[in-house]
Amino acid sequence: MKTQAAITASAIRKELAQKFPDIKFRVISQDCAHGNSVLICWTGMPAEEAVEKIANRYEQGYFDGVTDRYVTLTNPENLPQVKFVFYEHNRE
């Protein structure tokens, strides 16, 4: 059975492939004791902001350094989500 992170990574990979068919993305799921995450890697275009616009919808929330806690957001689209989404963009 796939983990929540693997399900989320698959959904992100599919949406990125539809939006940017000529770009090769590596979308890697990661699970650990404190939660889960997805790492998105690519080279060249598109700009990081364009990828973030898609992938941020798959993130459960964010860490608020002022209150020192993780803030969970609502999920109106009922998408699979992970605790964190990270990016590795090589701009070559």
Protein backbone atom coordinates (compact mmCIF):
# COMPACT_ATOMS: atom_id res chain seq x y z
CA MET A 1 0.00 0.00 0.00
CA LYS A 2 1.32 3.46 -0.92
CA THR A 3 2.08 5.99 1.80
CA GLN A 4 0.35 9.38 1.88
CA ALA A 5 3.63 10.96 0.73
CA ALA A 6 3.85 8.59 -2.27
CA ILE A 7 0.23 9.29 -3.24
CA THR A 8 0.87 13.03 -2.99
CA ALA A 9 4.10 12.78 -5.02
CA SER A 10 2.23 10.92 -7.77
CA ALA A 11 -0.49 13.58 -7.89
CA ILE A 12 2.08 16.39 -8.07
CA ARG A 13 4.09 14.57 -10.76
CA LYS A 14 0.96 14.09 -12.87
CA GLU A 15 -0.11 17.74 -12.60
CA LEU A 16 3.39 19.04 -13.38
CA ALA A 17 3.63 16.75 -16.43
CA GLN A 18 0.33 18.09 -17.74
CA LYS A 19 1.29 21.72 -17.18
CA PHE A 20 4.93 21.42 -18.36
CA PRO A 21 5.08 18.43 -20.76
CA ASP A 22 8.61 19.19 -22.03
CA ILE A 23 10.22 19.36 -18.57
CA LYS A 24 11.49 16.33 -16.67
CA PHE A 25 10.66 16.54 -12.97
CA ARG A 26 11.86 14.20 -10.24
CA VAL A 27 9.23 14.09 -7.51
CA ILE A 28 10.40 12.13 -4.47
CA SER A 29 8.30 11.19 -1.44
CA GLN A 30 9.88 11.07 2.00
CA ASP A 31 8.47 9.69 5.26
CA CYS A 32 9.94 10.11 8.73
CA ALA A 33 8.85 9.93 12.35
CA HIS A 34 7.81 13.60 12.44
CA GLY A 35 5.76 13.66 9.25
CA ASN A 36 6.19 13.42 5.52
CA SER A 37 7.33 15.53 2.61
CA VAL A 38 7.81 15.70 -1.15
CA LEU A 39 10.95 16.95 -2.91
CA ILE A 40 10.55 18.32 -6.45
CA CYS A 41 13.70 18.56 -8.61
CA TRP A 42 14.12 19.98 -12.13
CA THR A 43 16.57 21.86 -14.35
CA GLY A 44 15.97 25.03 -16.38
CA MET A 45 12.51 26.41 -16.92
CA PRO A 46 9.88 26.83 -15.53
CA ALA A 47 10.62 29.34 -12.81
CA GLU A 48 10.30 28.12 -9.24
CA GLU A 49 7.25 30.33 -8.66
CA ALA A 50 5.29 28.49 -11.39
CA VAL A 51 6.05 25.10 -9.80
CA GLU A 52 5.27 26.40 -6.31
CA LYS A 53 1.88 27.66 -7.48
CA ILE A 54 0.94 24.08 -8.34
CA ALA A 55 2.73 22.22 -5.55
CA ASN A 56 1.77 24.49 -2.63
CA ARG A 57 -1.80 23.18 -2.87
CA TYR A 58 -0.44 19.77 -1.81
CA GLU A 59 1.09 21.09 1.43
CA GLN A 60 -0.92 20.68 4.65
CA GLY A 61 0.28 23.92 6.18
CA TYR A 62 3.42 25.74 7.25
CA PHE A 63 5.71 26.22 10.23
CA ASP A 64 5.10 29.51 12.05
CA GLY A 65 8.38 30.56 13.66
CA VAL A 66 6.70 33.28 15.74
CA THR A 67 4.46 30.84 17.61
CA ASP A 68 6.88 27.90 17.15
CA ARG A 69 4.20 25.57 15.81
CA TYR A 70 2.96 23.99 12.60
CA VAL A 71 -0.22 25.62 11.27
CA THR A 72 -2.57 23.31 9.37
CA LEU A 73 -4.56 24.88 6.54
CA THR A 74 -7.92 23.82 5.10
CA ASN A 75 -8.00 21.53 2.06
CA PRO A 76 -11.06 22.64 0.01
CA GLU A 77 -9.94 20.68 -3.08
CA ASN A 78 -9.58 17.47 -1.02
CA LEU A 79 -6.13 16.84 -2.50
CA PRO A 80 -3.64 14.37 -1.05
CA GLN A 81 -1.22 16.38 1.08
CA VAL A 82 2.08 16.17 2.94
CA LYS A 83 3.47 18.23 5.77
CA PHE A 84 6.19 19.90 3.66
CA VAL A 85 7.04 20.39 -0.04
CA PHE A 86 10.66 21.19 -0.89
CA TYR A 87 12.20 22.37 -4.16
CA GLU A 88 15.57 21.78 -5.82
CA HIS A 89 15.76 23.96 -8.93
CA ASN A 90 18.92 23.91 -11.04
CA ARG A 91 18.71 27.06 -13.18
CA GLU A 92 21.38 26.03 -15.76
